[in-house]
Amino acid sequence: MSITIILAFLLAHPSNHCGMANARTVAKAAMKAGQRYDVPPSLLTSVVIAETGCRNVVVTGVGKGRRGCDVGFGQIHVPECEPSRVARMLDPYRNLKTAAYILDRSRARCSKKPAPRACKYSQWSLYNPGSTRWFTKVNRIWKTFKLFKRDKPETS
């Protein structure tokens, strides 16, 4: 897959709020992080669109009873919103590298028997366990990539 394909998808997708600069940043980071963890860059890009619409943002007070904040394109959770960790997670490559790592670990845990309950939806479900809406949204976005790319999305 090429950066051009990811850029075209990011700029064309109706749920994104990417300008060319953000799209280029996300595309490069998704390619590099995806290669490192053998996670499809198209899946990382779909996570970015589902999580933030391609905005590098910090969201505080997320989830029932959770303290902390979700940071960056991949909305990586930072307990207690610790300022230096929040600043590090706003780096696009570090953020998407962490997202790719979480997806890779999800795939590994879901391939073991017995698999956690959240794995019944997808091998990637542990990225956001307990949210079928999240999986449905990411998978729907990822399926639209088939017009632009070669790797096949999962079926639910």
Protein backbone atom coordinates (compact mmCIF):
# COMPACT_ATOMS: atom_id res chain seq x y z
CA MET A 1 0.00 0.00 0.00
CA SER A 2 1.25 3.46 -0.76
CA ILE A 3 1.05 6.72 1.12
CA THR A 4 -0.83 8.14 -1.89
CA ILE A 5 -3.66 5.64 -1.37
CA ILE A 6 -3.94 6.47 2.33
CA LEU A 7 -3.86 10.21 1.56
CA ALA A 8 -6.61 9.83 -1.03
CA PHE A 9 -8.75 7.91 1.43
CA LEU A 10 -8.16 10.34 4.31
CA LEU A 11 -9.01 13.35 2.19
CA ALA A 12 -12.06 11.73 0.58
CA HIS A 13 -13.67 10.12 3.65
CA PRO A 14 -16.73 12.09 4.82
CA SER A 15 -16.05 11.49 8.55
CA ASN A 16 -12.62 13.01 8.56
CA HIS A 17 -11.52 16.53 9.32
CA CYS A 18 -8.04 16.21 7.84
CA GLY A 19 -6.35 18.97 6.06
CA MET A 20 -3.54 18.00 3.73
CA ALA A 21 -0.90 18.47 6.46
CA ASN A 22 -2.69 16.20 8.97
CA ALA A 23 -3.49 13.65 6.25
CA ARG A 24 0.16 13.48 5.22
CA THR A 25 1.25 13.14 8.87
CA VAL A 26 -1.25 10.35 9.58
CA ALA A 27 -0.43 8.51 6.35
CA LYS A 28 3.32 8.51 7.03
CA ALA A 29 2.89 7.52 10.68
CA ALA A 30 0.37 4.76 9.83
CA MET A 31 2.71 3.29 7.20
CA LYS A 32 5.71 3.32 9.54
CA ALA A 33 3.86 2.05 12.64
CA GLY A 34 1.93 -0.55 10.63
CA GLN A 35 5.14 -1.99 9.21
CA ARG A 36 6.74 -2.16 12.65
CA TYR A 37 3.90 -4.25 14.13
CA ASP A 38 2.56 -5.93 10.98
CA VAL A 39 -0.77 -4.12 11.32
CA PRO A 40 -2.44 -2.94 8.09
CA PRO A 41 -1.90 0.82 7.72
CA SER A 42 -5.46 0.98 6.43
CA LEU A 43 -6.69 -0.36 9.80
CA LEU A 44 -4.66 2.26 11.68
CA THR A 45 -6.07 4.95 9.42
CA SER A 46 -9.60 3.62 10.01
CA VAL A 47 -8.99 3.79 13.79
CA VAL A 48 -7.87 7.41 13.43
CA ILE A 49 -11.00 8.35 11.48
CA ALA A 50 -13.27 6.49 13.94
CA GLU A 51 -11.58 7.86 17.05
CA THR A 52 -10.98 11.51 16.19
CA GLY A 53 -11.98 12.23 12.62
CA CYS A 54 -8.28 12.90 12.01
CA ARG A 55 -7.81 15.46 14.76
CA ASN A 56 -4.79 15.28 17.09
CA VAL A 57 -6.78 16.02 20.25
CA VAL A 58 -6.90 15.35 23.99
CA VAL A 59 -10.23 14.23 25.47
CA THR A 60 -10.54 14.19 29.27
CA GLY A 61 -12.86 12.31 31.60
CA VAL A 62 -13.52 9.41 29.24
CA GLY A 63 -15.46 6.28 30.12
CA LYS A 64 -17.51 5.42 33.16
CA GLY A 65 -15.45 5.80 36.29
CA ARG A 66 -12.22 6.22 34.32
CA ARG A 67 -9.78 8.90 35.27
CA GLY A 68 -7.37 10.32 32.79
CA CYS A 69 -7.56 11.34 29.19
CA ASP A 70 -7.44 9.88 25.71
CA VAL A 71 -4.76 11.50 23.58
CA GLY A 72 -3.91 12.01 19.94
CA PHE A 73 -5.03 10.53 16.65
CA GLY A 74 -5.46 7.04 18.12
CA GLN A 75 -6.94 8.24 21.43
CA ILE A 76 -4.37 6.46 23.59
CA HIS A 77 -5.40 6.45 27.26
CA VAL A 78 -3.09 8.33 29.65
CA PRO A 79 -3.95 7.75 33.34
CA GLU A 80 -4.30 10.92 35.41
CA CYS A 81 -3.58 13.02 32.29
CA GLU A 82 0.07 13.13 33.33
CA PRO A 83 1.41 16.15 31.36
CA SER A 84 4.69 14.69 30.08
CA ARG A 85 2.95 11.49 28.85
CA VAL A 86 0.19 13.55 27.22
CA ALA A 87 2.86 15.61 25.42
CA ARG A 88 4.64 12.45 24.21
CA MET A 89 1.39 10.87 22.99
CA LEU A 90 0.60 13.97 20.92
CA ASP A 91 3.54 13.02 18.68
CA PRO A 92 1.75 11.41 15.69
CA TYR A 93 4.25 8.60 15.12
CA ARG A 94 4.51 7.67 18.81
CA ASN A 95 0.71 7.77 19.07
CA LEU A 96 0.10 5.52 16.06
CA LYS A 97 3.00 3.25 17.03
CA THR A 98 1.24 2.75 20.38
CA ALA A 99 -2.07 2.16 18.58
CA ALA A 100 -0.40 -0.43 16.32
CA TYR A 101 1.14 -2.11 19.38
CA ILE A 102 -2.28 -2.32 21.07
CA LEU A 103 -3.82 -3.79 17.91
CA ASP A 104 -0.95 -6.28 17.64
CA ARG A 105 -1.41 -7.35 21.29
CA SER A 106 -5.17 -7.62 20.70
CA ARG A 107 -4.56 -9.91 17.75
CA ALA A 108 -2.17 -12.05 19.83
CA ARG A 109 -4.55 -12.34 22.81
CA CYS A 110 -7.55 -13.08 20.59
CA SER A 111 -5.70 -15.89 18.82
CA LYS A 112 -5.17 -17.77 22.09
CA LYS A 113 -7.69 -20.30 23.37
CA PRO A 114 -9.81 -19.50 25.24
CA ALA A 115 -10.00 -16.01 23.82
CA PRO A 116 -11.37 -13.10 25.87
CA ARG A 117 -15.11 -12.42 25.36
CA ALA A 118 -14.47 -9.17 23.50
CA CYS A 119 -12.70 -11.16 20.77
CA LYS A 120 -16.00 -12.56 19.52
CA TYR A 121 -16.34 -9.45 17.32
CA SER A 122 -12.85 -9.26 15.89
CA GLN A 123 -9.22 -9.99 16.60
CA TRP A 124 -8.83 -6.21 16.93
CA SER A 125 -11.66 -5.74 19.47
CA LEU A 126 -9.43 -5.41 22.52
CA TYR A 127 -8.37 -1.97 21.29
CA ASN A 128 -11.66 -0.75 22.70
CA PRO A 129 -13.17 -3.70 24.62
CA GLY A 130 -16.84 -3.60 25.45
CA SER A 131 -17.77 -1.36 22.54
CA THR A 132 -19.45 -3.12 19.65
CA ARG A 133 -20.26 0.32 18.21
CA TRP A 134 -16.55 1.12 18.02
CA PHE A 135 -15.78 -2.14 16.20
CA THR A 136 -18.71 -1.65 13.83
CA LYS A 137 -17.61 1.91 13.02
CA VAL A 138 -13.95 0.99 12.45
CA ASN A 139 -14.86 -2.05 10.36
CA ARG A 140 -17.29 -0.01 8.22
CA ILE A 141 -14.58 2.57 7.55
CA TRP A 142 -12.01 -0.15 6.91
CA LYS A 143 -14.32 -1.89 4.42
CA THR A 144 -14.53 1.27 2.33
CA PHE A 145 -10.77 1.02 1.91
CA LYS A 146 -11.30 -1.91 -0.46
CA LEU A 147 -11.86 0.66 -3.19
CA PHE A 148 -8.36 2.01 -2.59
CA LYS A 149 -6.26 -0.92 -1.46
CA ARG A 150 -5.37 -4.60 -1.68
CA ASP A 151 -5.64 -5.97 1.87
CA LYS A 152 -9.08 -7.29 2.81
CA PRO A 153 -11.07 -6.09 5.82
CA GLU A 154 -12.52 -8.58 8.27
CA THR A 155 -16.12 -9.63 8.00
CA SER A 156 -18.16 -9.41 11.14
